[in-house]
Protein backbone atom coordinates (compact mmCIF):
# COMPACT_ATOMS: atom_id res chain seq x y z
CA MET A 1 52.64 11.31 86.59
CA LYS A 2 51.77 11.88 82.95
CA PRO A 3 48.15 12.71 82.20
CA VAL A 4 46.06 9.72 81.09
CA VAL A 5 43.66 9.79 78.14
CA ALA A 6 41.18 6.90 77.79
CA ILE A 7 39.39 6.06 74.55
CA VAL A 8 35.96 4.51 75.15
CA GLY A 9 32.77 3.77 73.26
CA ARG A 10 30.67 0.99 71.79
CA PRO A 11 32.44 -1.92 70.07
CA ASN A 12 33.48 -1.42 66.47
CA VAL A 13 33.27 2.39 66.26
CA GLY A 14 37.00 2.86 65.47
CA LYS A 15 38.56 3.27 68.92
CA SER A 16 41.66 1.19 68.20
CA THR A 17 42.27 2.89 64.86
CA LEU A 18 42.04 6.27 66.57
CA ALA A 19 44.40 5.13 69.34
CA ASN A 20 46.96 4.00 66.78
CA LYS A 21 46.65 7.28 64.89
CA LEU A 22 47.09 9.40 68.02
CA SER A 23 50.04 7.43 69.38
CA GLY A 24 51.73 7.06 66.01
CA GLN A 25 52.15 3.35 66.67
CA ARG A 26 50.31 0.25 65.58
CA LEU A 27 49.78 -1.14 69.08
CA SER A 28 46.15 -2.22 69.15
CA ILE A 29 44.75 -5.04 67.08
CA ILE A 30 42.46 -3.60 64.41
CA GLU A 31 39.79 -5.87 62.97
CA ASP A 32 36.23 -5.24 61.84
CA THR A 33 34.86 -7.52 64.55
CA PRO A 34 33.13 -6.24 67.69
CA GLY A 35 35.04 -6.96 70.89
CA VAL A 36 38.50 -7.46 69.43
CA THR A 37 40.25 -5.13 71.90
CA ARG A 38 39.48 -6.81 75.20
CA ASP A 39 41.94 -5.31 77.66
CA ARG A 40 43.22 -1.82 78.27
CA ILE A 41 46.06 -1.12 75.84
CA TYR A 42 48.59 1.43 77.05
CA SER A 43 50.82 3.54 74.79
CA GLU A 44 52.77 6.75 75.13
CA ALA A 45 51.85 9.77 73.01
CA GLU A 46 53.04 13.36 72.66
CA TRP A 47 51.54 16.52 71.20
CA ASN A 48 53.20 19.93 71.16
CA CYS A 49 55.60 18.98 73.98
CA TYR A 50 52.83 17.48 76.11
CA ALA A 51 53.44 13.83 76.93
CA PHE A 52 50.58 11.60 78.01
CA THR A 53 49.54 7.98 78.34
CA LEU A 54 46.85 6.76 75.97
CA ILE A 55 44.54 3.87 76.92
CA ASP A 56 42.61 2.01 74.24
CA THR A 57 39.76 0.00 75.78
CA GLY A 58 37.42 -2.75 74.77
CA GLY A 59 33.97 -1.58 73.73
CA ILE A 60 31.31 -0.91 76.35
CA GLU A 61 28.20 -3.06 76.04
CA PRO A 62 25.50 -1.58 78.34
CA ARG A 63 23.73 -4.96 78.35
CA PRO A 64 26.52 -7.51 77.84
CA ASP A 65 25.28 -11.02 77.18
CA ASP A 66 28.48 -13.03 77.60
CA GLU A 67 31.39 -13.28 80.01
CA ILE A 68 34.00 -11.59 77.83
CA PHE A 69 31.83 -8.51 77.24
CA ARG A 70 31.17 -8.27 80.99
CA HIS A 71 34.92 -8.32 81.61
CA MET A 72 35.41 -5.70 78.91
CA ARG A 73 33.00 -3.37 80.67
CA VAL A 74 34.89 -3.76 83.96
CA GLN A 75 38.19 -3.03 82.23
CA THR A 76 36.72 0.08 80.60
CA GLU A 77 35.39 1.30 83.94
CA ILE A 78 38.89 0.93 85.43
CA ALA A 79 40.32 2.95 82.53
CA ILE A 80 37.72 5.68 83.12
CA GLU A 81 38.66 5.85 86.81
CA THR A 82 42.34 6.19 85.85
CA ALA A 83 41.88 8.82 83.12
CA ASP A 84 42.15 12.60 83.25
CA VAL A 85 40.48 12.98 79.85
CA ILE A 86 38.06 10.59 78.12
CA LEU A 87 37.54 10.46 74.36
CA PHE A 88 34.04 9.12 73.75
CA VAL A 89 34.12 7.72 70.22
CA LEU A 90 30.86 7.70 68.24
CA ASN A 91 30.06 6.57 64.70
CA LEU A 92 28.73 9.26 62.35
CA HIS A 93 26.94 6.71 60.18
CA ASP A 94 25.08 5.15 63.13
CA GLY A 95 23.90 8.44 64.60
CA VAL A 96 23.19 8.57 68.34
CA THR A 97 22.13 5.08 69.43
CA ALA A 98 20.38 3.97 72.61
CA ASP A 99 23.66 2.41 73.76
CA ASP A 100 25.48 5.69 73.15
CA ARG A 101 23.00 7.47 75.41
CA GLU A 102 23.50 4.93 78.21
CA ILE A 103 27.28 5.19 77.92
CA ALA A 104 27.02 8.99 77.97
CA LEU A 105 25.12 8.84 81.28
CA MET A 106 27.82 6.59 82.75
CA LEU A 107 30.60 8.91 81.58
CA LYS A 108 28.95 12.05 82.99
CA LYS A 109 29.01 10.45 86.44
CA SER A 110 32.81 10.03 86.22
CA GLY A 111 33.50 13.75 86.69
CA ARG A 112 36.22 13.64 84.02
CA HIS A 113 36.71 15.82 80.96
CA ILE A 114 34.62 14.06 78.27
CA ILE A 115 35.31 14.92 74.63
CA PRO A 116 32.81 13.38 72.16
CA CYS A 117 34.67 12.24 69.01
CA VAL A 118 32.40 11.69 66.02
CA ASN A 119 34.40 9.24 63.92
CA LYS A 120 34.25 8.51 60.17
CA VAL A 121 33.92 12.17 59.15
CA ASP A 122 36.27 11.46 56.27
CA ASN A 123 35.75 14.59 54.16
CA THR A 124 37.38 17.90 55.09
CA GLY A 125 34.62 19.98 53.46
CA ALA A 126 31.29 20.98 54.96
CA THR A 127 30.26 19.31 58.21
CA PRO A 128 27.77 16.48 57.51
CA THR A 129 24.19 17.26 58.53
CA GLY A 130 24.00 14.22 60.78
CA PHE A 131 26.92 15.52 62.84
CA TYR A 132 24.78 18.02 64.78
CA GLU A 133 22.69 15.17 66.21
CA PHE A 134 25.56 14.39 68.61
CA TYR A 135 25.12 17.70 70.46
CA GLU A 136 22.04 16.20 72.13
CA LEU A 137 24.33 14.10 74.36
CA GLY A 138 24.91 17.28 76.34
CA PHE A 139 28.62 17.22 77.19
CA ALA A 140 30.52 20.35 78.23
CA HIS A 141 32.88 19.90 75.29
CA ASP A 142 31.48 20.19 71.78
CA PRO A 143 31.63 17.05 69.59
CA MET A 144 34.82 16.87 67.52
CA PRO A 145 34.64 15.56 63.92
CA VAL A 146 37.50 13.13 63.23
CA SER A 147 38.55 10.39 60.88
CA SER A 148 40.61 7.79 62.69
CA LEU A 149 41.41 6.20 59.33
CA ASN A 150 43.03 9.16 57.56
CA GLY A 151 43.71 11.41 60.57
CA ASN A 152 41.39 14.29 59.67
CA GLY A 153 40.62 16.42 62.72
CA THR A 154 43.05 14.63 65.03
CA GLY A 155 45.27 17.72 65.41
CA ASP A 156 42.33 19.86 66.56
CA LEU A 157 41.25 17.01 68.84
CA LEU A 158 44.69 16.81 70.48
CA ASP A 159 44.70 20.58 71.02
CA VAL A 160 41.49 20.22 73.04
CA VAL A 161 42.82 17.15 74.88
CA THR A 162 46.03 18.86 76.01
CA SER A 163 44.10 21.96 77.12
CA CYS A 164 42.33 19.72 79.67
CA PHE A 165 45.50 18.41 81.28
CA PRO A 166 46.11 19.22 84.95
CA ASN A 167 48.16 22.43 85.35
CA HIS A 168 48.38 22.65 81.53
CA GLU A 169 52.19 22.67 81.58
CA GLU A 170 54.93 20.92 79.68
CA LEU A 171 55.62 17.48 81.04
CA ASP A 172 58.83 15.55 81.35
CA MET A 173 59.53 13.15 78.48
CA GLY A 174 62.38 11.49 80.42
CA ASP A 175 63.75 8.08 79.48
CA ASP A 176 62.24 5.00 81.08
CA ASP A 177 64.95 3.17 83.01
CA SER A 178 62.71 0.37 84.27
CA ILE A 179 63.51 -3.25 83.50
CA LYS A 180 61.10 -4.50 80.80
CA VAL A 181 59.69 -7.93 81.65
CA ALA A 182 57.67 -9.97 79.14
CA VAL A 183 55.43 -12.65 80.64
CA ILE A 184 55.12 -15.41 78.04
CA GLY A 185 53.63 -18.89 77.95
CA LYS A 186 50.90 -20.99 76.48
CA PRO A 187 47.23 -20.15 77.18
CA ASN A 188 46.02 -20.54 80.78
CA ALA A 189 49.49 -20.88 82.27
CA GLY A 190 48.61 -18.02 84.63
CA LYS A 191 50.34 -15.06 82.98
CA SER A 192 47.61 -12.48 83.63
CA SER A 193 47.03 -13.85 87.14
CA LEU A 194 50.70 -13.35 87.96
CA VAL A 195 50.74 -9.76 86.70
CA ASN A 196 47.45 -9.01 88.48
CA TYR A 197 48.89 -10.30 91.76
CA ILE A 198 52.02 -8.19 91.32
CA LEU A 199 50.00 -5.09 90.52
CA GLY A 200 47.49 -5.63 93.29
CA GLU A 201 44.63 -4.79 90.97
CA GLU A 202 42.72 -6.44 88.16
CA ARG A 203 44.69 -4.79 85.35
CA MET A 204 44.29 -7.72 82.94
CA ILE A 205 41.20 -9.85 82.38
CA VAL A 206 41.63 -13.19 84.15
CA SER A 207 39.44 -15.89 82.70
CA PRO A 208 39.64 -19.66 82.14
CA ILE A 209 38.84 -19.07 78.46
CA ALA A 210 42.00 -19.78 76.44
CA GLY A 211 43.25 -16.79 74.47
CA THR A 212 41.50 -14.14 76.58
CA THR A 213 44.48 -11.78 76.46
CA ARG A 214 45.00 -10.92 72.81
CA ASP A 215 47.20 -7.81 73.03
CA ALA A 216 50.47 -7.12 74.83
CA ILE A 217 49.88 -4.74 77.75
CA ASP A 218 52.44 -2.70 79.72
CA ALA A 219 52.09 -2.17 83.47
CA LYS A 220 54.67 -0.40 85.62
CA VAL A 221 55.67 -1.54 89.10
CA GLU A 222 58.02 0.10 91.59
CA ASN A 223 59.03 -1.66 94.80
CA LYS A 224 62.04 -2.28 97.02
CA HIS A 225 63.72 -4.20 94.19
CA GLY A 226 63.53 -1.34 91.68
CA GLU A 227 61.37 -0.24 88.74
CA PHE A 228 59.84 -2.76 86.36
CA THR A 229 57.53 -2.66 83.38
CA PHE A 230 55.57 -5.90 82.96
CA ILE A 231 54.33 -6.84 79.50
CA ASP A 232 51.48 -9.35 79.74
CA THR A 233 51.15 -11.16 76.43
CA ALA A 234 48.61 -13.27 74.64
CA GLY A 235 48.89 -16.98 75.34
CA ILE A 236 50.85 -18.51 72.47
CA ARG A 237 49.22 -21.52 70.81
CA ARG A 238 50.46 -23.98 68.23
CA GLN A 239 50.41 -22.39 64.78
CA SER A 240 48.13 -25.14 63.49
CA LYS A 241 45.49 -24.19 66.08
CA ILE A 242 45.35 -20.52 65.15
CA ALA A 243 42.18 -20.51 63.10
CA ASP A 244 41.43 -16.82 62.68
CA LYS A 245 43.65 -13.92 61.71
CA ILE A 246 42.90 -11.99 64.90
CA GLU A 247 44.65 -14.73 66.86
CA LYS A 248 47.56 -14.61 64.42
CA TYR A 249 47.99 -10.94 65.22
CA SER A 250 48.02 -11.85 68.91
CA VAL A 251 50.89 -14.31 68.44
CA LEU A 252 52.76 -11.62 66.53
CA ARG A 253 52.17 -9.21 69.43
CA ALA A 254 53.61 -11.78 71.85
CA LYS A 255 56.73 -12.17 69.73
CA MET A 256 57.06 -8.38 69.52
CA ALA A 257 56.72 -8.20 73.32
CA VAL A 258 59.70 -10.55 73.65
CA GLU A 259 61.71 -8.26 71.38
CA ARG A 260 60.84 -5.24 73.56
CA ALA A 261 61.72 -7.01 76.81
CA ASP A 262 64.93 -7.11 78.82
CA VAL A 263 63.85 -10.23 80.72
CA CYS A 264 61.31 -12.94 79.83
CA LEU A 265 59.33 -14.89 82.42
CA ILE A 266 58.51 -18.24 80.83
CA MET A 267 55.37 -19.49 82.55
CA ILE A 268 54.93 -23.25 82.92
CA ASP A 269 51.76 -24.87 84.27
CA ALA A 270 52.87 -27.19 87.09
CA GLY A 271 49.78 -29.35 86.65
CA GLN A 272 50.54 -30.04 82.98
CA GLY A 273 54.30 -30.33 83.30
CA VAL A 274 56.67 -29.35 80.51
CA THR A 275 55.06 -29.61 77.08
CA GLU A 276 56.39 -29.36 73.55
CA GLN A 277 54.66 -26.00 73.24
CA ASP A 278 56.53 -24.71 76.31
CA GLU A 279 59.77 -25.58 74.53
CA ARG A 280 58.74 -23.62 71.45
CA ILE A 281 57.75 -20.59 73.50
CA ALA A 282 60.99 -20.61 75.48
CA GLY A 283 62.82 -20.72 72.16
CA LEU A 284 61.39 -17.28 71.32
CA ALA A 285 63.25 -15.76 74.26
CA HIS A 286 66.44 -17.74 73.66
CA GLU A 287 66.62 -16.91 69.96
CA ALA A 288 65.95 -13.23 70.68
CA GLY A 289 68.90 -13.20 73.09
CA LYS A 290 66.80 -12.26 76.12
CA ALA A 291 67.54 -13.02 79.74
CA ALA A 292 65.02 -15.59 80.95
CA ILE A 293 63.54 -17.16 84.07
CA PHE A 294 61.41 -20.29 84.21
CA VAL A 295 58.36 -19.64 86.42
CA VAL A 296 56.53 -22.82 87.36
CA ASN A 297 53.04 -21.64 88.30
CA LYS A 298 50.19 -23.34 90.22
CA TRP A 299 52.70 -25.05 92.50
CA ASP A 300 50.12 -24.92 95.30
CA THR A 301 47.99 -27.46 93.40
CA ILE A 302 50.70 -30.14 93.28
CA THR A 303 50.88 -33.06 95.71
CA LYS A 304 54.48 -33.07 96.92
CA ASP A 305 57.04 -35.36 98.50
CA ASN A 306 60.75 -34.94 99.25
CA ASP A 307 61.75 -35.35 95.60
CA THR A 308 59.01 -33.32 93.87
CA VAL A 309 61.04 -30.13 93.41
CA LYS A 310 64.16 -32.00 92.27
CA ASP A 311 62.23 -34.20 89.83
CA PHE A 312 60.38 -31.25 88.28
CA THR A 313 63.61 -29.27 88.03
CA ASP A 314 65.31 -32.17 86.29
CA ASP A 315 62.39 -32.44 83.85
CA VAL A 316 62.61 -28.73 83.02
CA TYR A 317 66.32 -28.73 82.31
CA LYS A 318 66.10 -31.97 80.37
CA ALA A 319 63.43 -30.46 78.11
CA PHE A 320 65.25 -27.12 77.87
CA ALA A 321 68.76 -28.48 77.43
CA TYR A 322 69.68 -25.36 75.45
CA MET A 323 68.60 -23.06 78.33
CA THR A 324 70.20 -24.57 81.41
CA TYR A 325 71.50 -21.07 82.14
CA ALA A 326 67.99 -19.87 83.11
CA PRO A 327 67.05 -20.02 86.82
CA LEU A 328 63.80 -21.64 87.92
CA VAL A 329 61.30 -20.52 90.55
CA PHE A 330 58.17 -22.31 91.80
CA VAL A 331 55.24 -19.97 92.52
CA SER A 332 51.51 -19.68 92.91
CA ALA A 333 50.07 -16.60 91.22
CA LYS A 334 46.80 -17.33 93.01
CA THR A 335 48.18 -17.29 96.58
CA GLY A 336 51.29 -15.19 95.97
CA GLN A 337 53.59 -17.99 97.14
CA ARG A 338 57.24 -17.03 96.33
CA VAL A 339 56.13 -14.36 93.83
CA ASP A 340 58.45 -11.87 95.54
CA LYS A 341 61.40 -14.13 94.64
CA ILE A 342 60.71 -13.39 90.97
CA PHE A 343 61.91 -9.79 91.43
CA GLU A 344 65.22 -10.95 92.88
CA HIS A 345 65.75 -13.21 89.88
CA ILE A 346 64.75 -10.48 87.40
CA LYS A 347 67.27 -8.02 88.88
CA TYR A 348 70.02 -10.63 88.97
CA VAL A 349 69.63 -11.99 85.43
CA HIS A 350 69.35 -8.44 84.04
CA GLU A 351 72.62 -7.54 85.76
CA GLN A 352 74.21 -10.70 84.38
CA ALA A 353 73.00 -9.92 80.85
CA SER A 354 74.50 -6.41 81.18
CA LEU A 355 77.88 -7.64 82.45
CA ARG A 356 81.02 -6.51 80.59
CA ILE A 357 84.37 -8.32 80.83
CA SER A 358 87.67 -6.68 79.92
CA THR A 359 89.54 -7.99 76.88
CA GLY A 360 92.52 -8.83 79.06
CA LYS A 361 90.53 -11.11 81.35
CA LEU A 362 88.75 -12.73 78.42
CA ASN A 363 92.03 -13.66 76.76
CA GLU A 364 93.35 -15.17 79.97
CA ILE A 365 90.25 -17.37 80.03
CA LEU A 366 90.62 -18.19 76.32
CA ALA A 367 94.24 -19.27 76.82
CA ASP A 368 93.23 -21.44 79.78
CA ALA A 369 90.43 -23.04 77.74
CA VAL A 370 92.80 -23.85 74.85
CA MET A 371 95.26 -25.40 77.30
CA ARG A 372 92.53 -27.59 78.81
CA HIS A 373 91.09 -28.70 75.48
CA GLN A 374 93.10 -28.36 72.30
CA PRO A 375 91.21 -26.92 69.31
CA PRO A 376 90.29 -29.24 66.41
CA SER A 377 92.53 -29.60 63.36
CA ASP A 378 92.16 -30.53 59.71
CA ARG A 379 94.86 -32.67 58.04
CA GLY A 380 97.44 -31.52 60.49
CA LYS A 381 96.47 -27.85 60.35
CA PRO A 382 95.04 -26.86 63.75
CA LEU A 383 92.52 -24.18 64.52
CA LYS A 384 94.34 -21.22 66.03
CA LEU A 385 92.51 -18.83 68.35
CA TYR A 386 94.20 -15.42 68.41
CA TYR A 387 92.13 -13.34 70.78
CA MET A 388 88.62 -12.67 72.09
CA THR A 389 86.81 -9.44 72.88
CA GLN A 390 83.32 -8.54 74.08
CA THR A 391 81.37 -6.40 71.63
CA GLY A 392 77.95 -6.15 73.27
CA VAL A 393 75.61 -6.86 76.17
CA CYS A 394 72.00 -8.04 76.46
CA PRO A 395 72.94 -10.64 75.36
CA PRO A 396 76.67 -10.73 76.13
CA THR A 397 78.31 -11.01 72.72
CA PHE A 398 81.90 -12.09 72.10
CA VAL A 399 84.00 -12.08 68.96
CA ILE A 400 86.79 -14.65 68.64
CA PHE A 401 89.39 -14.12 65.92
CA CYS A 402 90.94 -17.27 64.49
CA ASN A 403 92.78 -18.56 61.44
CA ARG A 404 89.95 -20.72 60.01
CA ALA A 405 86.31 -20.22 60.95
CA ASP A 406 85.33 -23.51 59.27
CA LEU A 407 87.32 -25.44 61.88
CA PHE A 408 85.55 -23.75 64.79
CA HIS A 409 82.93 -26.46 65.21
CA PHE A 410 79.75 -25.92 67.22
CA SER A 411 80.93 -28.37 69.90
CA TYR A 412 84.10 -26.37 70.49
CA GLN A 413 82.10 -23.13 70.63
CA ARG A 414 79.93 -24.73 73.29
CA PHE A 415 83.06 -25.71 75.22
CA ILE A 416 84.32 -22.11 75.11
CA GLU A 417 80.89 -20.82 76.18
CA ASN A 418 80.73 -23.21 79.13
CA HIS A 419 84.25 -22.18 80.18
CA ILE A 420 83.23 -18.49 80.10
CA ARG A 421 80.17 -19.29 82.23
CA ARG A 422 82.21 -21.25 84.77
CA VAL A 423 84.41 -18.23 85.37
CA PHE A 424 82.05 -15.25 84.97
CA GLY A 425 78.58 -16.72 85.54
CA PHE A 426 76.24 -15.02 83.04
CA SER A 427 73.36 -16.74 84.81
CA GLY A 428 69.98 -16.32 83.16
CA THR A 429 71.24 -15.01 79.84
CA PRO A 430 72.19 -16.58 76.52
CA ILE A 431 75.68 -15.88 75.19
CA ARG A 432 76.50 -15.08 71.58
CA ILE A 433 79.87 -16.09 70.14
CA ILE A 434 80.86 -14.72 66.73
CA VAL A 435 83.79 -16.34 64.98
CA LYS A 436 85.86 -14.25 62.55
CA PRO A 437 88.88 -15.33 60.53
CA ARG A 438 91.73 -12.83 60.81
CA GLY A 439 92.75 -11.29 57.49
CA GLY A 440 95.84 -12.70 55.81
CA GLU A 441 95.71 -16.02 57.64
């Protein structure tokens, strides 16, 4: 296991900016609003051949006065329990506050390496007079002056961090071969509940408040089906309902999560049925060329008869006529009903998306398709299909060479795609067909 470094502190002291600076990635939402980072944000970082996992947390409020801040404290406590080293971020301009002292007491009880990071020391000259006030917190490690904004002091900080790692030895930076799974859907469809059930711990905040999960969060799972990395994403709302720019960043994070994923779980609330917003969200996965699975959640809350499953299935595929390739599974994230089936589907659709077909077999299928349905023509000049080859996977991508690309209508492309699927399957994955006119024709 890689060492884990957690970044904690009061809200709005620069934790997310420091996390982004240390990881070299812009993973956490940065906004000058207390409480923006609500969940634990995981990223990978490396310093002088030492690899480690960095956790950015929501701010600790010793006396939280609303539900979200109470959840944030719980999430931070989980991060502290997980960490080998804790960076306690403080604000130079605020000095040592009463809340800082309470947090310091909580951190000392953890038994971890605690490194106080005095943020907003932006000048590289003489140490500001107010800096020495932070020694009164009484940690074993001296306070480190840093600027999360411009990076001053972060190299010295990382030297201290890596010196605290267990065994203090170089760690493997091996490639991650797990299947990346993005969990997407509109707010309150049960995305975080599903990932929490799979993980067996409260890794994400679960709350009935729409939009609770703002950032995309990675969580690794290994079981009898293989290795998976789940990416829980912010609930995606209609663009017209996104009132503040923080929420806009969240939608962007969700779209980025889809891009990072191998497989997308499209969560649908069984109680609400298929909505127009579900169709838009599913389109993100389809357009990105990702393998996809429809996961109908809260199935335990539905009154059923002999036709309930069939009727709901028909409704899904009628609404998602462009994604009839995606399998569908009915689950309850609350009770765990059929959740294990999701892993079987993930493995299968990922294998299908990675499938390669030889050029010889493809051209046999192309010839058979042309014989079954003659290509269109224009004023007596027919479309001629010369040959087809596969040029990529995830999604499976095929190039068909012809005499006139303008005659290769969308309807005929769909016919060719359906014929390929009938023979080779490609269940759960979109197919890309690229049409190219052959030179000199």
